[in-house]
Structure formats: structure tokens, C-alpha cells
Amino acid sequence: MTTDALAAVELVKALASVSVPFVLVWAAHRLQRRQKSFEAVMGEKARHYAAISPLLNVIFSYRFRVGDFLDRAPETVLEAKRKADQEFWTFEYLWSDQFRLAYHEFMTDGFSVFGPEGTKARLRVDGGFYPVKSTTPGWEAFSGEPADRAALGKLYAELKTAIARDLGFDKYTTRMG
């Protein structure tokens, strides 16, 4: 090789060795920004799942007839549905497809919502199991349909599994359903 060619090779080597730290710093910076963005999204999801989960549990426990269902008025269950729906529809862009599907199935199973315009949703339960009746004049709180506890347990398990997967708990399993 000629001296000019050797000098060019040495120059390229020097430039490469000087540029490696800059490339590494740039790559680390990009990776850190991506990580911070991911953490922010996961934090936002966790916050909203923390808001909607207790509301879904109120609906589930009432229809499944566990917990405080004997002391709970149907109005409080309808209020839980309304608050859950508000959270769901306001932040729909955050939810995974799996959660959206599970949510719709759970709510469709739980409430009769398409009555005459201006009427409240009715809980899909047999009111005979519930000692606390509606105090809202003119509202038929109960549809009279018995809740299929096995199907309800499966729907609730699907909801919980979707939430767990969306938050990164891929190995979550439930005994219910």
C-alpha cells in the first residue's frame, strides 16, 4: 500500500475509535428515553386499572352473591357501573383488545341497558336473592333473570387475566372460571 492509503486507513481507524463513545452515548440516551416512555405508559395504565378494578368487583360480588351483597342497594351497583363506564370510555385508548372484549362481555352479561330512552339499566339478577330493594321510584332494578354463576365467574376471570397481562403479569392464573 502507498503511504497515502496507509494514512487514510489510519485516519479512518482514528475517527472510528473516537466516534464509538459518541454512538454509545446516543444509543444509551435513546434507550433511556424509550424506557421512560414505557414506564410512563405502564404507570398510567396501572392508575386507571386501579380505579376501574374495585368498581368491577362491586358488580361482580353483587351478582355472584358474595361479600357485602346482602347490605348493598342496587343503586350502588348501578353507580359502580356508571363510574366504570366513565373510566372505560374516557381512557379507552389505554386498554388492550383483550380487556376491551372482556369488559364488554362482562357488562353485557351484567346489565340490561337497552330499554326505552331515559330509563336506567337493570341488573341482570333475580331480585329474590337480594334483601335490599331499590328505593328509586319507578325503577325496576332487577331484570328477574338468574345470574349464571359459572359463566359470571368465567367472565370475571377473563377480566382479571386481561388486566394482569396488560400490566405485564403474563403468568397470572386464576382458579375462578
N, C-alpha and C. Protein backbone atom coordinates (compact mmCIF):
# COMPACT_ATOMS: atom_id res chain seq x y z
N MET A 1 0.82 -1.18 0.00
CA MET A 1 0.00 0.00 0.00
C MET A 1 0.87 1.25 0.00
N THR A 2 0.29 2.26 -0.57
CA THR A 2 1.03 3.53 -0.61
C THR A 2 0.89 4.24 0.73
N THR A 3 1.73 5.19 0.93
CA THR A 3 1.70 5.96 2.18
C THR A 3 0.39 6.73 2.32
N ASP A 4 -0.13 7.22 1.21
CA ASP A 4 -1.41 7.93 1.28
C ASP A 4 -2.55 6.99 1.69
N ALA A 5 -2.52 5.78 1.17
CA ALA A 5 -3.55 4.80 1.50
C ALA A 5 -3.43 4.40 2.97
N LEU A 6 -2.18 4.19 3.44
CA LEU A 6 -1.97 3.84 4.84
C LEU A 6 -2.42 4.98 5.76
N ALA A 7 -2.14 6.20 5.35
CA ALA A 7 -2.55 7.36 6.14
C ALA A 7 -4.08 7.44 6.19
N ALA A 8 -4.73 7.16 5.08
CA ALA A 8 -6.21 7.19 5.03
C ALA A 8 -6.79 6.10 5.93
N VAL A 9 -6.20 4.91 5.92
CA VAL A 9 -6.67 3.82 6.77
C VAL A 9 -6.51 4.20 8.24
N GLU A 10 -5.35 4.78 8.59
CA GLU A 10 -5.11 5.19 9.97
C GLU A 10 -6.09 6.30 10.39
N LEU A 11 -6.41 7.19 9.49
CA LEU A 11 -7.36 8.27 9.77
C LEU A 11 -8.76 7.68 10.04
N VAL A 12 -9.16 6.72 9.22
CA VAL A 12 -10.46 6.07 9.40
C VAL A 12 -10.50 5.34 10.74
N LYS A 13 -9.42 4.66 11.09
CA LYS A 13 -9.35 3.96 12.38
C LYS A 13 -9.49 4.95 13.53
N ALA A 14 -8.80 6.04 13.43
CA ALA A 14 -8.84 7.05 14.50
C ALA A 14 -10.24 7.65 14.63
N LEU A 15 -10.86 7.97 13.50
CA LEU A 15 -12.21 8.52 13.54
C LEU A 15 -13.21 7.50 14.11
N ALA A 16 -13.03 6.24 13.74
CA ALA A 16 -13.92 5.19 14.24
C ALA A 16 -13.76 5.04 15.75
N SER A 17 -12.55 5.04 16.24
CA SER A 17 -12.33 4.86 17.69
C SER A 17 -12.83 6.08 18.47
N VAL A 18 -12.74 7.26 17.89
CA VAL A 18 -13.24 8.46 18.55
C VAL A 18 -14.78 8.49 18.51
N SER A 19 -15.40 7.99 17.44
CA SER A 19 -16.85 8.07 17.30
C SER A 19 -17.59 7.00 18.11
N VAL A 20 -16.95 5.90 18.46
CA VAL A 20 -17.63 4.82 19.21
C VAL A 20 -18.24 5.34 20.51
N PRO A 21 -17.53 6.09 21.34
CA PRO A 21 -18.17 6.59 22.57
C PRO A 21 -19.39 7.47 22.30
N PHE A 22 -19.33 8.29 21.24
CA PHE A 22 -20.46 9.15 20.91
C PHE A 22 -21.67 8.33 20.46
N VAL A 23 -21.44 7.31 19.70
CA VAL A 23 -22.52 6.42 19.25
C VAL A 23 -23.13 5.70 20.45
N LEU A 24 -22.29 5.23 21.35
CA LEU A 24 -22.78 4.55 22.55
C LEU A 24 -23.60 5.49 23.43
N VAL A 25 -23.15 6.72 23.59
CA VAL A 25 -23.90 7.70 24.38
C VAL A 25 -25.25 7.98 23.71
N TRP A 26 -25.27 8.15 22.40
CA TRP A 26 -26.51 8.40 21.68
C TRP A 26 -27.48 7.22 21.84
N ALA A 27 -26.96 5.99 21.68
CA ALA A 27 -27.80 4.80 21.80
C ALA A 27 -28.35 4.66 23.23
N ALA A 28 -27.53 4.92 24.21
CA ALA A 28 -27.98 4.84 25.61
C ALA A 28 -29.06 5.88 25.88
N HIS A 29 -28.88 7.07 25.34
CA HIS A 29 -29.87 8.13 25.51
C HIS A 29 -31.21 7.72 24.89
N ARG A 30 -31.19 7.18 23.70
CA ARG A 30 -32.42 6.73 23.03
C ARG A 30 -33.11 5.61 23.83
N LEU A 31 -32.30 4.69 24.31
CA LEU A 31 -32.84 3.57 25.09
C LEU A 31 -33.47 4.08 26.39
N GLN A 32 -32.82 5.02 27.03
CA GLN A 32 -33.33 5.58 28.27
C GLN A 32 -34.66 6.33 28.03
N ARG A 33 -34.76 7.07 26.94
CA ARG A 33 -36.00 7.78 26.61
C ARG A 33 -37.13 6.79 26.35
N ARG A 34 -36.81 5.72 25.64
CA ARG A 34 -37.82 4.70 25.36
C ARG A 34 -38.28 4.04 26.66
N GLN A 35 -37.34 3.77 27.56
CA GLN A 35 -37.67 3.14 28.85
C GLN A 35 -38.56 4.07 29.68
N LYS A 36 -38.24 5.35 29.72
CA LYS A 36 -39.05 6.31 30.47
C LYS A 36 -40.45 6.41 29.90
N SER A 37 -40.56 6.39 28.59
CA SER A 37 -41.87 6.44 27.95
C SER A 37 -42.67 5.20 28.30
N PHE A 38 -42.05 4.03 28.25
CA PHE A 38 -42.72 2.78 28.59
C PHE A 38 -43.19 2.81 30.05
N GLU A 39 -42.34 3.28 30.94
CA GLU A 39 -42.69 3.36 32.36
C GLU A 39 -43.87 4.32 32.58
N ALA A 40 -43.89 5.42 31.85
CA ALA A 40 -44.99 6.38 31.98
C ALA A 40 -46.30 5.76 31.52
N VAL A 41 -46.27 5.05 30.41
CA VAL A 41 -47.49 4.40 29.90
C VAL A 41 -47.96 3.34 30.88
N MET A 42 -47.05 2.52 31.39
CA MET A 42 -47.43 1.47 32.33
C MET A 42 -47.97 2.07 33.62
N GLY A 43 -47.38 3.18 34.07
CA GLY A 43 -47.88 3.85 35.27
C GLY A 43 -49.29 4.37 35.06
N GLU A 44 -49.55 4.93 33.89
CA GLU A 44 -50.88 5.45 33.57
C GLU A 44 -51.89 4.30 33.51
N LYS A 45 -51.51 3.20 32.88
CA LYS A 45 -52.40 2.03 32.82
C LYS A 45 -52.69 1.52 34.23
N ALA A 46 -51.65 1.39 35.03
CA ALA A 46 -51.83 0.88 36.39
C ALA A 46 -52.78 1.78 37.19
N ARG A 47 -52.65 3.08 37.02
CA ARG A 47 -53.50 4.03 37.74
C ARG A 47 -54.97 3.85 37.34
N HIS A 48 -55.22 3.69 36.06
CA HIS A 48 -56.61 3.56 35.61
C HIS A 48 -57.19 2.17 35.90
N TYR A 49 -56.35 1.15 35.82
CA TYR A 49 -56.83 -0.18 36.22
C TYR A 49 -57.13 -0.19 37.72
N ALA A 50 -56.35 0.55 38.50
CA ALA A 50 -56.61 0.64 39.94
C ALA A 50 -57.93 1.35 40.22
N ALA A 51 -58.33 2.24 39.33
CA ALA A 51 -59.61 2.95 39.51
C ALA A 51 -60.79 2.08 39.09
N ILE A 52 -60.65 1.32 38.02
CA ILE A 52 -61.79 0.57 37.48
C ILE A 52 -61.97 -0.79 38.16
N SER A 53 -60.90 -1.39 38.64
CA SER A 53 -60.99 -2.73 39.22
C SER A 53 -61.93 -2.84 40.42
N PRO A 54 -61.87 -1.93 41.40
CA PRO A 54 -62.81 -2.05 42.53
C PRO A 54 -64.27 -1.89 42.10
N LEU A 55 -64.51 -1.10 41.08
CA LEU A 55 -65.88 -0.93 40.59
C LEU A 55 -66.39 -2.22 39.95
N LEU A 56 -65.53 -2.86 39.19
CA LEU A 56 -65.91 -4.14 38.58
C LEU A 56 -66.14 -5.20 39.66
N ASN A 57 -65.37 -5.11 40.74
CA ASN A 57 -65.53 -6.06 41.83
C ASN A 57 -66.87 -5.87 42.54
N VAL A 58 -67.32 -4.63 42.67
CA VAL A 58 -68.63 -4.37 43.28
C VAL A 58 -69.72 -5.06 42.46
N ILE A 59 -69.64 -4.89 41.14
CA ILE A 59 -70.63 -5.50 40.25
C ILE A 59 -70.56 -7.02 40.34
N PHE A 60 -69.36 -7.55 40.27
CA PHE A 60 -69.18 -9.00 40.33
C PHE A 60 -69.70 -9.57 41.65
N SER A 61 -69.27 -9.01 42.76
CA SER A 61 -69.63 -9.59 44.05
C SER A 61 -71.13 -9.51 44.30
N TYR A 62 -71.77 -8.47 43.81
CA TYR A 62 -73.22 -8.35 43.96
C TYR A 62 -73.93 -9.44 43.15
N ARG A 63 -73.55 -9.57 41.90
CA ARG A 63 -74.22 -10.56 41.04
C ARG A 63 -73.85 -11.99 41.44
N PHE A 64 -72.63 -12.20 41.94
CA PHE A 64 -72.19 -13.54 42.33
C PHE A 64 -72.70 -13.91 43.73
N ARG A 65 -73.22 -12.89 44.42
CA ARG A 65 -73.77 -13.04 45.76
C ARG A 65 -72.72 -13.46 46.78
N VAL A 66 -71.66 -12.67 46.84
CA VAL A 66 -70.61 -12.85 47.84
C VAL A 66 -70.28 -11.49 48.44
N GLY A 67 -69.55 -11.52 49.53
CA GLY A 67 -69.14 -10.25 50.16
C GLY A 67 -70.33 -9.54 50.78
N ASP A 68 -70.42 -8.25 50.54
CA ASP A 68 -71.44 -7.43 51.19
C ASP A 68 -72.73 -7.30 50.38
N PHE A 69 -73.00 -8.22 49.47
CA PHE A 69 -74.17 -8.08 48.60
C PHE A 69 -75.48 -7.98 49.37
N LEU A 70 -75.55 -8.59 50.54
CA LEU A 70 -76.79 -8.54 51.33
C LEU A 70 -77.09 -7.14 51.85
N ASP A 71 -76.06 -6.33 52.00
CA ASP A 71 -76.21 -4.98 52.55
C ASP A 71 -76.21 -3.90 51.47
N ARG A 72 -75.98 -4.28 50.24
CA ARG A 72 -75.79 -3.31 49.17
C ARG A 72 -77.10 -3.03 48.43
N ALA A 73 -77.38 -1.75 48.23
CA ALA A 73 -78.55 -1.35 47.46
C ALA A 73 -78.24 -1.46 45.96
N PRO A 74 -79.21 -1.81 45.14
CA PRO A 74 -78.95 -1.92 43.71
C PRO A 74 -78.48 -0.60 43.09
N GLU A 75 -78.87 0.51 43.69
CA GLU A 75 -78.41 1.82 43.18
C GLU A 75 -76.89 1.93 43.24
N THR A 76 -76.27 1.33 44.27
CA THR A 76 -74.81 1.43 44.39
C THR A 76 -74.12 0.59 43.30
N VAL A 77 -74.77 -0.49 42.89
CA VAL A 77 -74.21 -1.32 41.83
C VAL A 77 -74.33 -0.59 40.49
N LEU A 78 -75.47 0.03 40.27
CA LEU A 78 -75.64 0.82 39.04
C LEU A 78 -74.65 1.98 39.02
N GLU A 79 -74.43 2.60 40.16
CA GLU A 79 -73.44 3.69 40.24
C GLU A 79 -72.03 3.18 39.94
N ALA A 80 -71.71 1.98 40.41
CA ALA A 80 -70.40 1.38 40.09
C ALA A 80 -70.28 1.15 38.59
N LYS A 81 -71.36 0.72 37.96
CA LYS A 81 -71.34 0.52 36.50
C LYS A 81 -71.10 1.85 35.79
N ARG A 82 -71.80 2.88 36.23
CA ARG A 82 -71.65 4.20 35.59
C ARG A 82 -70.22 4.73 35.73
N LYS A 83 -69.66 4.59 36.91
CA LYS A 83 -68.28 5.06 37.13
C LYS A 83 -67.29 4.22 36.33
N ALA A 84 -67.51 2.91 36.28
CA ALA A 84 -66.64 2.04 35.50
C ALA A 84 -66.73 2.40 34.01
N ASP A 85 -67.95 2.61 33.53
CA ASP A 85 -68.13 3.00 32.13
C ASP A 85 -67.44 4.33 31.84
N GLN A 86 -67.53 5.27 32.76
CA GLN A 86 -66.88 6.56 32.55
C GLN A 86 -65.36 6.37 32.45
N GLU A 87 -64.81 5.59 33.33
CA GLU A 87 -63.37 5.32 33.31
C GLU A 87 -63.00 4.58 32.02
N PHE A 88 -63.81 3.59 31.67
CA PHE A 88 -63.53 2.78 30.48
C PHE A 88 -63.56 3.63 29.21
N TRP A 89 -64.63 4.38 29.01
CA TRP A 89 -64.77 5.13 27.76
C TRP A 89 -63.86 6.35 27.71
N THR A 90 -63.56 6.94 28.85
CA THR A 90 -62.65 8.10 28.86
C THR A 90 -61.24 7.68 28.48
N PHE A 91 -60.82 6.52 28.94
CA PHE A 91 -59.44 6.08 28.72
C PHE A 91 -59.38 4.82 27.85
N GLU A 92 -60.31 4.70 26.93
CA GLU A 92 -60.39 3.51 26.09
C GLU A 92 -59.08 3.25 25.34
N TYR A 93 -58.37 4.29 24.98
CA TYR A 93 -57.12 4.14 24.24
C TYR A 93 -56.05 3.38 25.02
N LEU A 94 -56.20 3.29 26.34
CA LEU A 94 -55.21 2.60 27.16
C LEU A 94 -55.41 1.09 27.21
N TRP A 95 -56.65 0.67 27.03
CA TRP A 95 -56.99 -0.74 27.27
C TRP A 95 -56.54 -1.63 26.12
N SER A 96 -56.14 -2.83 26.47
CA SER A 96 -55.79 -3.82 25.45
C SER A 96 -57.06 -4.35 24.80
N ASP A 97 -56.92 -4.94 23.64
CA ASP A 97 -58.07 -5.55 22.96
C ASP A 97 -58.69 -6.63 23.83
N GLN A 98 -57.85 -7.40 24.50
CA GLN A 98 -58.35 -8.48 25.37
C GLN A 98 -59.20 -7.91 26.50
N PHE A 99 -58.76 -6.82 27.12
CA PHE A 99 -59.54 -6.22 28.20
C PHE A 99 -60.82 -5.61 27.67
N ARG A 100 -60.75 -4.91 26.54
CA ARG A 100 -61.96 -4.30 25.98
C ARG A 100 -63.04 -5.35 25.73
N LEU A 101 -62.65 -6.46 25.12
CA LEU A 101 -63.60 -7.54 24.84
C LEU A 101 -64.17 -8.12 26.14
N ALA A 102 -63.30 -8.40 27.10
CA ALA A 102 -63.75 -8.95 28.38
C ALA A 102 -64.69 -7.98 29.10
N TYR A 103 -64.38 -6.70 29.04
CA TYR A 103 -65.21 -5.68 29.69
C TYR A 103 -66.61 -5.65 29.08
N HIS A 104 -66.67 -5.62 27.76
CA HIS A 104 -67.97 -5.59 27.08
C HIS A 104 -68.80 -6.83 27.40
N GLU A 105 -68.16 -7.99 27.41
CA GLU A 105 -68.89 -9.22 27.72
C GLU A 105 -69.38 -9.22 29.16
N PHE A 106 -68.55 -8.75 30.08
CA PHE A 106 -68.92 -8.69 31.49
C PHE A 106 -70.10 -7.74 31.70
N MET A 107 -70.05 -6.57 31.10
CA MET A 107 -71.13 -5.59 31.27
C MET A 107 -72.41 -6.02 30.57
N THR A 108 -72.29 -6.63 29.40
CA THR A 108 -73.48 -7.11 28.69
C THR A 108 -74.16 -8.21 29.49
N ASP A 109 -73.37 -9.06 30.11
CA ASP A 109 -73.92 -10.13 30.94
C ASP A 109 -74.56 -9.57 32.21
N GLY A 110 -74.06 -8.45 32.69
CA GLY A 110 -74.48 -7.92 33.98
C GLY A 110 -75.66 -6.98 33.96
N PHE A 111 -75.91 -6.34 32.82
CA PHE A 111 -76.93 -5.29 32.80
C PHE A 111 -77.78 -5.36 31.53
N SER A 112 -79.04 -5.08 31.72
CA SER A 112 -79.95 -4.90 30.60
C SER A 112 -80.02 -3.40 30.38
N VAL A 113 -79.43 -2.93 29.28
CA VAL A 113 -79.25 -1.49 29.12
C VAL A 113 -80.10 -0.86 28.02
N PHE A 114 -80.66 -1.63 27.17
CA PHE A 114 -81.36 -1.03 26.03
C PHE A 114 -82.87 -1.05 26.20
N GLY A 115 -83.32 -0.33 27.24
CA GLY A 115 -84.75 -0.15 27.46
C GLY A 115 -85.19 1.11 26.75
N PRO A 116 -86.38 1.57 27.07
CA PRO A 116 -86.85 2.83 26.50
C PRO A 116 -85.90 3.98 26.84
N GLU A 117 -85.83 4.94 25.96
CA GLU A 117 -84.93 6.08 26.17
C GLU A 117 -85.22 6.75 27.51
N GLY A 118 -84.14 7.07 28.22
CA GLY A 118 -84.27 7.74 29.50
C GLY A 118 -84.46 6.82 30.69
N THR A 119 -84.45 5.51 30.45
CA THR A 119 -84.60 4.58 31.57
C THR A 119 -83.23 4.10 32.02
N LYS A 120 -83.18 3.73 33.27
CA LYS A 120 -81.92 3.23 33.84
C LYS A 120 -81.70 1.78 33.45
N ALA A 121 -80.45 1.40 33.42
CA ALA A 121 -80.10 0.00 33.18
C ALA A 121 -80.66 -0.84 34.33
N ARG A 122 -80.93 -2.10 34.03
CA ARG A 122 -81.40 -3.02 35.06
C ARG A 122 -80.32 -4.07 35.27
N LEU A 123 -80.19 -4.51 36.51
CA LEU A 123 -79.23 -5.55 36.85
C LEU A 123 -79.80 -6.90 36.43
N ARG A 124 -79.00 -7.67 35.74
CA ARG A 124 -79.44 -9.00 35.31
C ARG A 124 -79.29 -9.97 36.49
N VAL A 125 -80.25 -9.91 37.38
CA VAL A 125 -80.28 -10.80 38.54
C VAL A 125 -81.73 -11.09 38.90
N ASP A 126 -81.92 -12.15 39.65
CA ASP A 126 -83.21 -12.47 40.24
C ASP A 126 -83.28 -11.74 41.57
N GLY A 127 -84.15 -10.77 41.67
CA GLY A 127 -84.24 -9.93 42.86
C GLY A 127 -84.59 -10.66 44.14
N GLY A 128 -85.07 -11.89 44.03
CA GLY A 128 -85.44 -12.65 45.22
C GLY A 128 -84.26 -12.95 46.15
N PHE A 129 -83.05 -12.91 45.64
CA PHE A 129 -81.87 -13.19 46.45
C PHE A 129 -81.37 -11.96 47.23
N TYR A 130 -81.93 -10.79 46.94
CA TYR A 130 -81.38 -9.54 47.46
C TYR A 130 -82.37 -8.87 48.41
N PRO A 131 -82.03 -8.81 49.70
CA PRO A 131 -82.95 -8.22 50.67
C PRO A 131 -83.11 -6.70 50.53
N VAL A 132 -82.07 -6.01 50.06
CA VAL A 132 -82.16 -4.55 49.91
C VAL A 132 -82.69 -4.27 48.50
N LYS A 133 -83.85 -3.66 48.46
CA LYS A 133 -84.51 -3.36 47.18
C LYS A 133 -84.25 -1.90 46.79
N SER A 134 -84.56 -1.61 45.56
CA SER A 134 -84.38 -0.25 45.04
C SER A 134 -85.30 0.73 45.77
N THR A 135 -84.75 1.90 46.04
CA THR A 135 -85.56 2.97 46.63
C THR A 135 -85.85 4.06 45.61
N THR A 136 -85.45 3.84 44.36
CA THR A 136 -85.68 4.82 43.30
C THR A 136 -87.08 4.60 42.73
N PRO A 137 -87.95 5.57 42.87
CA PRO A 137 -89.32 5.42 42.36
C PRO A 137 -89.35 5.14 40.85
N GLY A 138 -90.12 4.14 40.46
CA GLY A 138 -90.30 3.83 39.05
C GLY A 138 -89.20 3.02 38.40
N TRP A 139 -88.15 2.70 39.14
CA TRP A 139 -87.04 1.94 38.54
C TRP A 139 -87.16 0.47 38.91
N GLU A 140 -87.26 -0.35 37.91
CA GLU A 140 -87.20 -1.80 38.12
C GLU A 140 -85.74 -2.19 38.09
N ALA A 141 -85.16 -2.36 39.26
CA ALA A 141 -83.71 -2.59 39.36
C ALA A 141 -83.29 -3.95 38.84
N PHE A 142 -84.16 -4.95 39.00
CA PHE A 142 -83.79 -6.33 38.67
C PHE A 142 -84.52 -6.81 37.41
N SER A 143 -83.78 -7.48 36.55
CA SER A 143 -84.39 -7.99 35.33
C SER A 143 -85.20 -9.25 35.58
N GLY A 144 -84.93 -9.94 36.69
CA GLY A 144 -85.59 -11.19 37.00
C GLY A 144 -84.86 -12.40 36.47
N GLU A 145 -83.81 -12.16 35.67
CA GLU A 145 -83.02 -13.27 35.12
C GLU A 145 -82.04 -13.75 36.18
N PRO A 146 -81.96 -15.04 36.42
CA PRO A 146 -80.96 -15.51 37.37
C PRO A 146 -79.55 -15.37 36.79
N ALA A 147 -78.62 -14.99 37.63
CA ALA A 147 -77.23 -14.88 37.19
C ALA A 147 -76.64 -16.29 37.09
N ASP A 148 -76.04 -16.59 35.97
CA ASP A 148 -75.34 -17.87 35.79
C ASP A 148 -73.98 -17.71 36.46
N ARG A 149 -73.85 -18.25 37.66
CA ARG A 149 -72.64 -18.04 38.46
C ARG A 149 -71.40 -18.61 37.79
N ALA A 150 -71.51 -19.73 37.12
CA ALA A 150 -70.34 -20.31 36.44
C ALA A 150 -69.89 -19.40 35.31
N ALA A 151 -70.83 -18.92 34.51
CA ALA A 151 -70.49 -18.02 33.40
C ALA A 151 -69.95 -16.70 33.95
N LEU A 152 -70.55 -16.19 35.01
CA LEU A 152 -70.10 -14.94 35.63
C LEU A 152 -68.67 -15.09 36.16
N GLY A 153 -68.39 -16.21 36.81
CA GLY A 153 -67.04 -16.45 37.31
C GLY A 153 -66.03 -16.47 36.17
N LYS A 154 -66.40 -17.08 35.06
CA LYS A 154 -65.51 -17.14 33.89
C LYS A 154 -65.28 -15.73 33.32
N LEU A 155 -66.34 -14.95 33.21
CA LEU A 155 -66.21 -13.58 32.69
C LEU A 155 -65.31 -12.73 33.58
N TYR A 156 -65.48 -12.86 34.89
CA TYR A 156 -64.66 -12.08 35.82
C TYR A 156 -63.21 -12.53 35.77
N ALA A 157 -63.00 -13.83 35.63
CA ALA A 157 -61.64 -14.36 35.49
C ALA A 157 -60.98 -13.81 34.22
N GLU A 158 -61.74 -13.72 33.15
CA GLU A 158 -61.20 -13.16 31.90
C GLU A 158 -60.83 -11.70 32.07
N LEU A 159 -61.64 -10.96 32.81
CA LEU A 159 -61.32 -9.55 33.09
C LEU A 159 -60.01 -9.44 33.87
N LYS A 160 -59.90 -10.21 34.93
CA LYS A 160 -58.69 -10.15 35.76
C LYS A 160 -57.46 -10.60 34.98
N THR A 161 -57.60 -11.61 34.17
CA THR A 161 -56.48 -12.09 33.37
C THR A 161 -56.05 -11.03 32.37
N ALA A 162 -57.01 -10.36 31.74
CA ALA A 162 -56.69 -9.31 30.77
C ALA A 162 -55.94 -8.16 31.45
N ILE A 163 -56.39 -7.78 32.64
CA ILE A 163 -55.72 -6.72 33.38
C ILE A 163 -54.29 -7.14 33.72
N ALA A 164 -54.16 -8.34 34.24
CA ALA A 164 -52.82 -8.83 34.63
C ALA A 164 -51.89 -8.86 33.43
N ARG A 165 -52.36 -9.36 32.32
CA ARG A 165 -51.50 -9.43 31.12
C ARG A 165 -51.13 -8.04 30.63
N ASP A 166 -52.10 -7.14 30.68
CA ASP A 166 -51.85 -5.77 30.22
C ASP A 166 -50.81 -5.07 31.09
N LEU A 167 -50.73 -5.48 32.35
CA LEU A 167 -49.76 -4.87 33.26
C LEU A 167 -48.45 -5.66 33.33
N GLY A 168 -48.33 -6.70 32.50
CA GLY A 168 -47.07 -7.43 32.41
C GLY A 168 -46.99 -8.68 33.26
N PHE A 169 -48.08 -9.06 33.90
CA PHE A 169 -48.09 -10.28 34.70
C PHE A 169 -48.57 -11.44 33.84
N ASP A 170 -47.75 -11.84 32.90
CA ASP A 170 -48.15 -12.83 31.89
C ASP A 170 -48.45 -14.19 32.47
N LYS A 171 -47.90 -14.51 33.61
CA LYS A 171 -48.09 -15.85 34.18
C LYS A 171 -49.25 -15.91 35.17
N TYR A 172 -50.02 -14.81 35.26
CA TYR A 172 -51.16 -14.78 36.19
C TYR A 172 -52.18 -15.84 35.77
N THR A 173 -52.66 -16.58 36.74
CA THR A 173 -53.78 -17.51 36.51
C THR A 173 -54.74 -17.35 37.66
N THR A 174 -55.97 -17.73 37.41
CA THR A 174 -56.99 -17.66 38.44
C THR A 174 -57.68 -19.01 38.53
N ARG A 175 -58.16 -19.33 39.69
CA ARG A 175 -58.88 -20.60 39.87
C ARG A 175 -60.32 -20.46 39.46
N MET A 176 -60.79 -19.21 39.41
CA MET A 176 -62.19 -18.98 39.07
C MET A 176 -62.36 -19.07 37.56
N GLY A 177 -63.45 -19.63 37.13
CA GLY A 177 -63.73 -19.67 35.69
C GLY A 177 -63.13 -20.87 35.11
